[in-house]
Amino acid sequence: MFGDALQLCGIEKEIASFMKRKFDAKYGGHWQCIVGRNFGSHLDPIQFIHFTVSKISVILFR
């Protein structure tokens, strides 16, 4: 899914939108997504995914 986002999207905002739509469709609910190279966060989500690929970090949560 992330590989598709990198190929189809040019900027981090587009990658975040792509990932959010895919997670909403596949897992239901209202997912939120943050994509970037340098950011901080403090979350108290029910479900949470965080990973980094080639200096790009992704947080998906609901």
N, C-alpha and C. Protein backbone atom coordinates (compact mmCIF):
# COMPACT_ATOMS: atom_id res chain seq x y z
N MET A 1 0.82 -1.19 0.00
CA MET A 1 0.00 0.00 0.00
C MET A 1 0.87 1.26 0.00
N PHE A 2 1.92 1.30 0.84
CA PHE A 2 2.78 2.47 0.90
C PHE A 2 3.57 2.63 -0.39
N GLY A 3 4.00 1.51 -0.96
CA GLY A 3 4.72 1.56 -2.24
C GLY A 3 3.87 2.16 -3.34
N ASP A 4 2.57 1.79 -3.37
CA ASP A 4 1.65 2.39 -4.34
C ASP A 4 1.54 3.89 -4.13
N ALA A 5 1.45 4.31 -2.87
CA ALA A 5 1.34 5.72 -2.55
C ALA A 5 2.57 6.49 -3.04
N LEU A 6 3.76 5.92 -2.84
CA LEU A 6 4.98 6.59 -3.28
C LEU A 6 5.04 6.72 -4.80
N GLN A 7 4.56 5.72 -5.52
CA GLN A 7 4.59 5.76 -6.98
C GLN A 7 3.56 6.72 -7.55
N LEU A 8 2.38 6.79 -6.92
CA LEU A 8 1.28 7.58 -7.47
C LEU A 8 1.24 9.02 -6.99
N CYS A 9 1.86 9.30 -5.86
CA CYS A 9 1.73 10.62 -5.24
C CYS A 9 3.08 11.35 -5.25
N GLY A 10 3.02 12.66 -5.42
CA GLY A 10 4.24 13.42 -5.51
C GLY A 10 4.70 14.05 -4.21
N ILE A 11 3.76 14.44 -3.35
CA ILE A 11 4.13 15.14 -2.12
C ILE A 11 3.54 14.42 -0.91
N GLU A 12 4.05 14.76 0.26
CA GLU A 12 3.66 14.07 1.49
C GLU A 12 2.17 14.18 1.78
N LYS A 13 1.57 15.33 1.49
CA LYS A 13 0.14 15.52 1.72
C LYS A 13 -0.68 14.54 0.87
N GLU A 14 -0.27 14.32 -0.37
CA GLU A 14 -0.97 13.38 -1.24
C GLU A 14 -0.79 11.94 -0.75
N ILE A 15 0.40 11.61 -0.26
CA ILE A 15 0.65 10.27 0.29
C ILE A 15 -0.25 10.03 1.49
N ALA A 16 -0.37 11.03 2.38
CA ALA A 16 -1.23 10.90 3.56
C ALA A 16 -2.69 10.69 3.16
N SER A 17 -3.17 11.45 2.19
CA SER A 17 -4.55 11.30 1.73
C SER A 17 -4.79 9.92 1.13
N PHE A 18 -3.84 9.45 0.32
CA PHE A 18 -3.93 8.13 -0.29
C PHE A 18 -4.01 7.04 0.76
N MET A 19 -3.09 7.09 1.74
CA MET A 19 -3.05 6.09 2.80
C MET A 19 -4.33 6.11 3.64
N LYS A 20 -4.82 7.30 3.97
CA LYS A 20 -6.05 7.43 4.75
C LYS A 20 -7.24 6.79 4.02
N ARG A 21 -7.39 7.11 2.73
CA ARG A 21 -8.50 6.55 1.95
C ARG A 21 -8.41 5.03 1.88
N LYS A 22 -7.21 4.49 1.67
CA LYS A 22 -7.04 3.04 1.59
C LYS A 22 -7.38 2.36 2.92
N PHE A 23 -6.92 2.94 4.04
CA PHE A 23 -7.22 2.35 5.34
C PHE A 23 -8.69 2.47 5.69
N ASP A 24 -9.32 3.59 5.36
CA ASP A 24 -10.77 3.73 5.58
C ASP A 24 -11.54 2.65 4.81
N ALA A 25 -11.16 2.42 3.55
CA ALA A 25 -11.85 1.44 2.72
C ALA A 25 -11.60 0.01 3.20
N LYS A 26 -10.37 -0.30 3.56
CA LYS A 26 -10.03 -1.68 3.91
C LYS A 26 -10.42 -2.05 5.34
N TYR A 27 -10.22 -1.12 6.30
CA TYR A 27 -10.42 -1.45 7.71
C TYR A 27 -11.60 -0.73 8.34
N GLY A 28 -12.28 0.12 7.59
CA GLY A 28 -13.44 0.84 8.12
C GLY A 28 -13.03 1.89 9.13
N GLY A 29 -13.98 2.69 9.51
CA GLY A 29 -13.71 3.70 10.52
C GLY A 29 -13.14 4.98 9.94
N HIS A 30 -12.67 5.81 10.82
CA HIS A 30 -12.17 7.12 10.44
C HIS A 30 -10.69 7.21 10.78
N TRP A 31 -9.84 6.78 9.88
CA TRP A 31 -8.40 6.82 10.07
C TRP A 31 -7.87 8.22 9.82
N GLN A 32 -6.81 8.58 10.51
CA GLN A 32 -6.07 9.82 10.29
C GLN A 32 -4.66 9.42 9.91
N CYS A 33 -4.01 10.24 9.07
CA CYS A 33 -2.67 9.90 8.61
C CYS A 33 -1.79 11.14 8.60
N ILE A 34 -0.56 10.98 9.10
CA ILE A 34 0.46 12.03 9.07
C ILE A 34 1.67 11.44 8.37
N VAL A 35 2.19 12.17 7.39
CA VAL A 35 3.37 11.73 6.64
C VAL A 35 4.36 12.89 6.60
N GLY A 36 5.62 12.60 6.90
CA GLY A 36 6.62 13.66 6.83
C GLY A 36 8.01 13.17 7.19
N ARG A 37 8.95 14.08 7.10
CA ARG A 37 10.35 13.76 7.40
C ARG A 37 10.77 14.23 8.78
N ASN A 38 10.05 15.21 9.34
CA ASN A 38 10.44 15.75 10.63
C ASN A 38 9.21 16.30 11.34
N PHE A 39 8.69 15.56 12.28
CA PHE A 39 7.54 16.03 13.05
C PHE A 39 7.51 15.32 14.40
N GLY A 40 6.81 15.89 15.31
CA GLY A 40 6.60 15.28 16.62
C GLY A 40 5.12 14.98 16.78
N SER A 41 4.81 14.10 17.70
CA SER A 41 3.41 13.79 17.95
C SER A 41 3.23 13.26 19.36
N HIS A 42 2.04 13.45 19.85
CA HIS A 42 1.61 12.87 21.12
C HIS A 42 0.16 12.47 20.91
N LEU A 43 -0.08 11.16 20.81
CA LEU A 43 -1.40 10.65 20.48
C LEU A 43 -1.87 9.66 21.54
N ASP A 44 -3.17 9.58 21.70
CA ASP A 44 -3.78 8.58 22.56
C ASP A 44 -4.87 7.86 21.77
N PRO A 45 -4.46 7.16 20.70
CA PRO A 45 -5.44 6.54 19.81
C PRO A 45 -5.89 5.17 20.29
N ILE A 46 -6.94 4.68 19.67
CA ILE A 46 -7.41 3.33 19.92
C ILE A 46 -6.53 2.34 19.14
N GLN A 47 -6.27 2.65 17.87
CA GLN A 47 -5.39 1.84 17.04
C GLN A 47 -4.33 2.75 16.44
N PHE A 48 -3.10 2.23 16.28
CA PHE A 48 -1.97 3.07 15.94
C PHE A 48 -0.95 2.28 15.13
N ILE A 49 -0.49 2.85 14.02
CA ILE A 49 0.57 2.25 13.21
C ILE A 49 1.60 3.34 12.94
N HIS A 50 2.88 3.03 13.16
CA HIS A 50 3.94 3.98 12.88
C HIS A 50 5.08 3.24 12.21
N PHE A 51 5.54 3.76 11.06
CA PHE A 51 6.69 3.16 10.41
C PHE A 51 7.46 4.23 9.64
N THR A 52 8.73 3.92 9.34
CA THR A 52 9.59 4.83 8.60
C THR A 52 10.22 4.07 7.45
N VAL A 53 10.16 4.67 6.26
CA VAL A 53 10.76 4.09 5.07
C VAL A 53 11.57 5.18 4.38
N SER A 54 12.87 4.97 4.27
CA SER A 54 13.74 5.90 3.55
C SER A 54 13.54 7.35 4.00
N LYS A 55 13.61 7.58 5.29
CA LYS A 55 13.51 8.91 5.91
C LYS A 55 12.12 9.52 5.88
N ILE A 56 11.11 8.80 5.41
CA ILE A 56 9.73 9.29 5.44
C ILE A 56 8.98 8.50 6.50
N SER A 57 8.45 9.20 7.50
CA SER A 57 7.70 8.55 8.58
C SER A 57 6.20 8.66 8.30
N VAL A 58 5.49 7.61 8.68
CA VAL A 58 4.04 7.56 8.50
C VAL A 58 3.40 7.16 9.82
N ILE A 59 2.39 7.90 10.23
CA ILE A 59 1.58 7.54 11.39
C ILE A 59 0.14 7.43 10.92
N LEU A 60 -0.46 6.28 11.16
CA LEU A 60 -1.89 6.07 10.91
C LEU A 60 -2.53 5.77 12.25
N PHE A 61 -3.64 6.42 12.56
CA PHE A 61 -4.29 6.20 13.84
C PHE A 61 -5.79 6.48 13.74
N ARG A 62 -6.51 5.90 14.69
CA ARG A 62 -7.93 6.23 14.89
C ARG A 62 -8.27 6.03 16.33
